[in-house]
Amino acid sequence: MKPYLLAASIALLPISAFADPSATQVVKGFIDAYNQHSVEQMLTHVSDDVRWMHISGSKIEVETSDKAQFGAAMTDYFETLTGAQATILEQIVSSHYVSTVERVTWENDGEQLSQCSIGNFRVQDGKIAEFWYLPAHACDEQFEVTEQVEPESEAEPVLEPNQPSQQ
C-alpha cells in the first residue's frame, strides 16, 4: 500500500518540480555565480565535460574541456580580476541555446575598465554543456545600462512563412 501512497504524493507535486530549469535560468544562474566570484556555484551550472571555447577569426581555441579545468581556470581568473562583474545586456534564446551580449567591468590601478563580448551557451539536461565567446570589444554606447535584462515572460507569436509581422 505504501507504493500507492508515494505515487499519489508524487502525482500531486507540480510538474515544474521535475522539469529541468530553462536554458535562460541556467545561464542567468551561471552569470550570477560569476558576479559572486563563486567558482563552486559556477560549477553547479556546468556539466562534467563542459567545454569553454573562444572564437577568433577562423580558429576556435578550447580554453577548458572539463569541469575540473574550468574550475581551476576560473579560480586563477578571479585572483587576477578581483572586482570583475558581468551584466547581460541582451540575450536571445533558441531552444537549448542562449546567446548573450555581456559587459564585464573591473578596476585596474584605480581605473574602471569594461569590455563587451558575445557569449553562446548550449544547455543540456539543465547544465551548460559548452560555451563559446567571441573576441572582446568596446561596448556600444546603446548598451550603457546598469542592470541585467530579464527574459520576457510572454512568448513571441509564431509567424507562418509569407505572413506579415503584426508590428
C-alpha atoms as a PDB file:
ATOM      1  CA  MET A   1       0.000   0.000   0.000  1.00  0.00           C
ATOM      2  CA  LYS A   2       2.913   2.384   0.645  1.00  0.00           C
ATOM      3  CA  PRO A   3       3.963   2.444  -3.051  1.00  0.00           C
ATOM      4  CA  TYR A   4       0.497   3.763  -3.913  1.00  0.00           C
ATOM      5  CA  LEU A   5       0.797   6.468  -1.279  1.00  0.00           C
ATOM      6  CA  LEU A   6       4.165   7.527  -2.726  1.00  0.00           C
ATOM      7  CA  ALA A   7       2.754   7.528  -6.261  1.00  0.00           C
ATOM      8  CA  ALA A   8      -0.234   9.606  -5.135  1.00  0.00           C
ATOM      9  CA  SER A   9       2.071  12.093  -3.377  1.00  0.00           C
ATOM     10  CA  ILE A  10       4.263  12.440  -6.446  1.00  0.00           C
ATOM     11  CA  ALA A  11       1.205  12.968  -8.647  1.00  0.00           C
ATOM     12  CA  LEU A  12       0.216  15.968  -6.521  1.00  0.00           C
ATOM     13  CA  LEU A  13       3.572  17.723  -6.982  1.00  0.00           C
ATOM     14  CA  PRO A  14       3.697  20.382  -9.689  1.00  0.00           C
ATOM     15  CA  ILE A  15       5.224  19.263 -12.979  1.00  0.00           C
ATOM     16  CA  SER A  16       7.839  22.011 -12.683  1.00  0.00           C
ATOM     17  CA  ALA A  17       9.338  20.234  -9.670  1.00  0.00           C
ATOM     18  CA  PHE A  18      10.659  17.598 -12.073  1.00  0.00           C
ATOM     19  CA  ALA A  19      11.460  19.820 -15.048  1.00  0.00           C
ATOM     20  CA  ASP A  20      14.970  20.990 -15.781  1.00  0.00           C
ATOM     21  CA  PRO A  21      15.464  24.710 -15.360  1.00  0.00           C
ATOM     22  CA  SER A  22      15.098  26.681 -18.564  1.00  0.00           C
ATOM     23  CA  ALA A  23      18.219  27.438 -20.567  1.00  0.00           C
ATOM     24  CA  THR A  24      17.914  31.123 -19.642  1.00  0.00           C
ATOM     25  CA  GLN A  25      17.680  30.273 -15.921  1.00  0.00           C
ATOM     26  CA  VAL A  26      20.833  28.163 -16.156  1.00  0.00           C
ATOM     27  CA  VAL A  27      22.797  30.923 -17.911  1.00  0.00           C
ATOM     28  CA  LYS A  28      21.474  33.578 -15.513  1.00  0.00           C
ATOM     29  CA  GLY A  29      22.474  31.430 -12.525  1.00  0.00           C
ATOM     30  CA  PHE A  30      25.920  30.954 -14.056  1.00  0.00           C
ATOM     31  CA  ILE A  31      26.403  34.715 -14.517  1.00  0.00           C
ATOM     32  CA  ASP A  32      25.058  35.414 -11.007  1.00  0.00           C
ATOM     33  CA  ALA A  33      27.626  32.949  -9.590  1.00  0.00           C
ATOM     34  CA  TYR A  34      30.311  34.708 -11.679  1.00  0.00           C
ATOM     35  CA  ASN A  35      29.323  38.033 -10.106  1.00  0.00           C
ATOM     36  CA  GLN A  36      29.686  36.486  -6.653  1.00  0.00           C
ATOM     37  CA  HIS A  37      33.114  35.141  -7.708  1.00  0.00           C
ATOM     38  CA  SER A  38      31.883  31.736  -6.555  1.00  0.00           C
ATOM     39  CA  VAL A  39      33.676  29.102  -8.603  1.00  0.00           C
ATOM     40  CA  GLU A  40      31.851  26.465  -6.562  1.00  0.00           C
ATOM     41  CA  GLN A  41      28.462  27.892  -7.574  1.00  0.00           C
ATOM     42  CA  MET A  42      29.552  28.296 -11.206  1.00  0.00           C
ATOM     43  CA  LEU A  43      30.450  24.604 -11.261  1.00  0.00           C
ATOM     44  CA  THR A  44      26.889  23.669 -10.254  1.00  0.00           C
ATOM     45  CA  HIS A  45      25.706  25.142 -13.581  1.00  0.00           C
ATOM     46  CA  VAL A  46      28.075  23.204 -15.867  1.00  0.00           C
ATOM     47  CA  SER A  47      28.274  19.576 -16.975  1.00  0.00           C
ATOM     48  CA  ASP A  48      31.201  17.321 -16.065  1.00  0.00           C
ATOM     49  CA  ASP A  49      32.582  17.551 -19.607  1.00  0.00           C
ATOM     50  CA  VAL A  50      31.882  21.253 -20.166  1.00  0.00           C
ATOM     51  CA  ARG A  51      33.925  22.901 -22.898  1.00  0.00           C
ATOM     52  CA  TRP A  52      34.778  26.611 -22.764  1.00  0.00           C
ATOM     53  CA  MET A  53      35.949  27.994 -26.094  1.00  0.00           C
ATOM     54  CA  HIS A  54      36.958  31.293 -27.675  1.00  0.00           C
ATOM     55  CA  ILE A  55      36.321  32.034 -31.323  1.00  0.00           C
ATOM     56  CA  SER A  56      38.924  34.184 -33.034  1.00  0.00           C
ATOM     57  CA  GLY A  57      38.719  34.616 -36.786  1.00  0.00           C
ATOM     58  CA  SER A  58      38.654  31.153 -38.292  1.00  0.00           C
ATOM     59  CA  LYS A  59      40.005  29.491 -35.140  1.00  0.00           C
ATOM     60  CA  ILE A  60      38.266  28.028 -32.128  1.00  0.00           C
ATOM     61  CA  GLU A  61      40.511  27.805 -29.081  1.00  0.00           C
ATOM     62  CA  VAL A  62      39.477  25.355 -26.373  1.00  0.00           C
ATOM     63  CA  GLU A  63      40.137  27.018 -23.006  1.00  0.00           C
ATOM     64  CA  THR A  64      38.947  24.077 -20.894  1.00  0.00           C
ATOM     65  CA  SER A  65      37.493  20.681 -21.713  1.00  0.00           C
ATOM     66  CA  ASP A  66      36.046  19.525 -18.392  1.00  0.00           C
ATOM     67  CA  LYS A  67      34.654  20.786 -15.091  1.00  0.00           C
ATOM     68  CA  ALA A  68      37.961  20.484 -13.173  1.00  0.00           C
ATOM     69  CA  GLN A  69      39.891  22.504 -15.781  1.00  0.00           C
ATOM     70  CA  PHE A  70      37.123  25.111 -15.869  1.00  0.00           C
ATOM     71  CA  GLY A  71      37.134  25.445 -12.064  1.00  0.00           C
ATOM     72  CA  ALA A  72      40.919  25.879 -11.999  1.00  0.00           C
ATOM     73  CA  ALA A  73      40.801  28.473 -14.796  1.00  0.00           C
ATOM     74  CA  MET A  74      38.080  30.491 -13.036  1.00  0.00           C
ATOM     75  CA  THR A  75      39.975  30.370  -9.729  1.00  0.00           C
ATOM     76  CA  ASP A  76      43.021  31.876 -11.496  1.00  0.00           C
ATOM     77  CA  TYR A  77      40.789  34.397 -13.296  1.00  0.00           C
ATOM     78  CA  PHE A  78      39.225  35.726 -10.075  1.00  0.00           C
ATOM     79  CA  GLU A  79      42.655  36.010  -8.436  1.00  0.00           C
ATOM     80  CA  THR A  80      43.694  38.270 -11.336  1.00  0.00           C
ATOM     81  CA  LEU A  81      40.480  40.304 -11.755  1.00  0.00           C
ATOM     82  CA  THR A  82      39.243  40.639  -8.197  1.00  0.00           C
ATOM     83  CA  GLY A  83      36.416  43.090  -8.927  1.00  0.00           C
ATOM     84  CA  ALA A  84      35.063  41.654 -12.185  1.00  0.00           C
ATOM     85  CA  GLN A  85      31.292  41.933 -12.677  1.00  0.00           C
ATOM     86  CA  ALA A  86      29.209  40.871 -15.697  1.00  0.00           C
ATOM     87  CA  THR A  87      25.930  42.302 -16.885  1.00  0.00           C
ATOM     88  CA  ILE A  88      23.775  40.621 -19.505  1.00  0.00           C
ATOM     89  CA  LEU A  89      22.778  43.463 -21.800  1.00  0.00           C
ATOM     90  CA  GLU A  90      20.854  41.364 -24.306  1.00  0.00           C
ATOM     91  CA  GLN A  91      20.007  37.750 -24.787  1.00  0.00           C
ATOM     92  CA  ILE A  92      18.465  35.601 -27.469  1.00  0.00           C
ATOM     93  CA  VAL A  93      17.099  32.144 -26.774  1.00  0.00           C
ATOM     94  CA  SER A  94      16.554  29.404 -29.322  1.00  0.00           C
ATOM     95  CA  SER A  95      15.638  26.034 -27.830  1.00  0.00           C
ATOM     96  CA  HIS A  96      18.595  24.953 -25.699  1.00  0.00           C
ATOM     97  CA  TYR A  97      20.917  27.705 -26.973  1.00  0.00           C
ATOM     98  CA  VAL A  98      21.282  31.087 -25.270  1.00  0.00           C
ATOM     99  CA  SER A  99      23.292  33.918 -26.822  1.00  0.00           C
ATOM    100  CA  THR A 100      24.212  36.912 -24.724  1.00  0.00           C
ATOM    101  CA  VAL A 101      25.820  40.307 -25.087  1.00  0.00           C
ATOM    102  CA  GLU A 102      27.716  40.764 -21.841  1.00  0.00           C
ATOM    103  CA  ARG A 103      29.501  43.733 -20.400  1.00  0.00           C
ATOM    104  CA  VAL A 104      32.282  42.931 -17.950  1.00  0.00           C
ATOM    105  CA  THR A 105      33.631  45.684 -15.704  1.00  0.00           C
ATOM    106  CA  TRP A 106      36.666  45.617 -13.440  1.00  0.00           C
ATOM    107  CA  GLU A 107      39.077  48.004 -11.790  1.00  0.00           C
ATOM    108  CA  ASN A 108      42.778  48.272 -12.600  1.00  0.00           C
ATOM    109  CA  ASP A 109      45.039  50.695 -10.737  1.00  0.00           C
ATOM    110  CA  GLY A 110      42.025  52.762  -9.664  1.00  0.00           C
ATOM    111  CA  GLU A 111      40.613  52.986 -13.193  1.00  0.00           C
ATOM    112  CA  GLN A 112      37.228  51.464 -14.038  1.00  0.00           C
ATOM    113  CA  LEU A 113      37.507  49.393 -17.231  1.00  0.00           C
ATOM    114  CA  SER A 114      34.952  47.492 -19.267  1.00  0.00           C
ATOM    115  CA  GLN A 115      34.543  45.427 -22.390  1.00  0.00           C
ATOM    116  CA  CYS A 116      31.745  43.542 -24.068  1.00  0.00           C
ATOM    117  CA  SER A 117      31.595  40.135 -25.644  1.00  0.00           C
ATOM    118  CA  ILE A 118      29.052  37.848 -27.210  1.00  0.00           C
ATOM    119  CA  GLY A 119      28.646  34.512 -25.491  1.00  0.00           C
ATOM    120  CA  ASN A 120      26.872  31.454 -26.840  1.00  0.00           C
ATOM    121  CA  PHE A 121      25.796  28.719 -24.440  1.00  0.00           C
ATOM    122  CA  ARG A 122      24.430  25.231 -25.142  1.00  0.00           C
ATOM    123  CA  VAL A 123      22.394  23.894 -22.243  1.00  0.00           C
ATOM    124  CA  GLN A 124      21.757  20.179 -21.942  1.00  0.00           C
ATOM    125  CA  ASP A 125      19.933  18.430 -19.092  1.00  0.00           C
ATOM    126  CA  GLY A 126      19.852  21.625 -17.029  1.00  0.00           C
ATOM    127  CA  LYS A 127      23.616  22.265 -17.272  1.00  0.00           C
ATOM    128  CA  ILE A 128      25.853  24.288 -19.570  1.00  0.00           C
ATOM    129  CA  ALA A 129      27.489  21.681 -21.801  1.00  0.00           C
ATOM    130  CA  GLU A 130      29.602  24.084 -23.822  1.00  0.00           C
ATOM    131  CA  PHE A 131      30.001  27.781 -24.384  1.00  0.00           C
ATOM    132  CA  TRP A 132      31.840  29.966 -26.845  1.00  0.00           C
ATOM    133  CA  TYR A 133      32.871  33.593 -26.578  1.00  0.00           C
ATOM    134  CA  LEU A 134      33.627  35.881 -29.488  1.00  0.00           C
ATOM    135  CA  PRO A 135      36.535  38.344 -29.123  1.00  0.00           C
ATOM    136  CA  ALA A 136      36.010  41.076 -26.555  1.00  0.00           C
ATOM    137  CA  HIS A 137      35.347  44.564 -27.902  1.00  0.00           C
ATOM    138  CA  ALA A 138      34.424  48.064 -26.762  1.00  0.00           C
ATOM    139  CA  CYS A 139      30.802  48.218 -25.693  1.00  0.00           C
ATOM    140  CA  ASP A 140      28.362  50.039 -27.934  1.00  0.00           C
ATOM    141  CA  GLU A 141      27.016  53.146 -26.238  1.00  0.00           C
ATOM    142  CA  GLN A 142      23.440  51.940 -26.736  1.00  0.00           C
ATOM    143  CA  PHE A 143      24.198  49.246 -24.162  1.00  0.00           C
ATOM    144  CA  GLU A 144      25.140  51.582 -21.340  1.00  0.00           C
ATOM    145  CA  VAL A 145      22.789  50.016 -18.769  1.00  0.00           C
ATOM    146  CA  THR A 146      23.256  49.200 -15.121  1.00  0.00           C
ATOM    147  CA  GLU A 147      21.085  46.131 -14.567  1.00  0.00           C
ATOM    148  CA  GLN A 148      20.621  42.754 -16.158  1.00  0.00           C
ATOM    149  CA  VAL A 149      17.990  42.236 -18.823  1.00  0.00           C
ATOM    150  CA  GLU A 150      15.391  39.694 -17.721  1.00  0.00           C
ATOM    151  CA  PRO A 151      13.831  37.426 -20.353  1.00  0.00           C
ATOM    152  CA  GLU A 152      10.339  38.342 -21.445  1.00  0.00           C
ATOM    153  CA  SER A 153       7.701  36.100 -19.918  1.00  0.00           C
ATOM    154  CA  GLU A 154       5.355  36.173 -22.890  1.00  0.00           C
ATOM    155  CA  ALA A 155       6.162  34.060 -25.905  1.00  0.00           C
ATOM    156  CA  GLU A 156       6.578  35.779 -29.239  1.00  0.00           C
ATOM    157  CA  PRO A 157       3.888  34.921 -31.794  1.00  0.00           C
ATOM    158  CA  VAL A 158       4.876  32.307 -34.320  1.00  0.00           C
ATOM    159  CA  LEU A 159       4.640  33.616 -37.869  1.00  0.00           C
ATOM    160  CA  GLU A 160       3.949  31.327 -40.768  1.00  0.00           C
ATOM    161  CA  PRO A 161       6.043  31.767 -43.931  1.00  0.00           C
ATOM    162  CA  ASN A 162       4.944  34.712 -46.058  1.00  0.00           C
ATOM    163  CA  GLN A 163       2.843  36.098 -43.216  1.00  0.00           C
ATOM    164  CA  PRO A 164       3.488  39.781 -42.445  1.00  0.00           C
ATOM    165  CA  SER A 165       4.505  40.657 -38.917  1.00  0.00           C
ATOM    166  CA  GLN A 166       1.949  42.329 -36.690  1.00  0.00           C
ATOM    167  CA  GLN A 167       4.069  45.283 -35.605  1.00  0.00           C
END
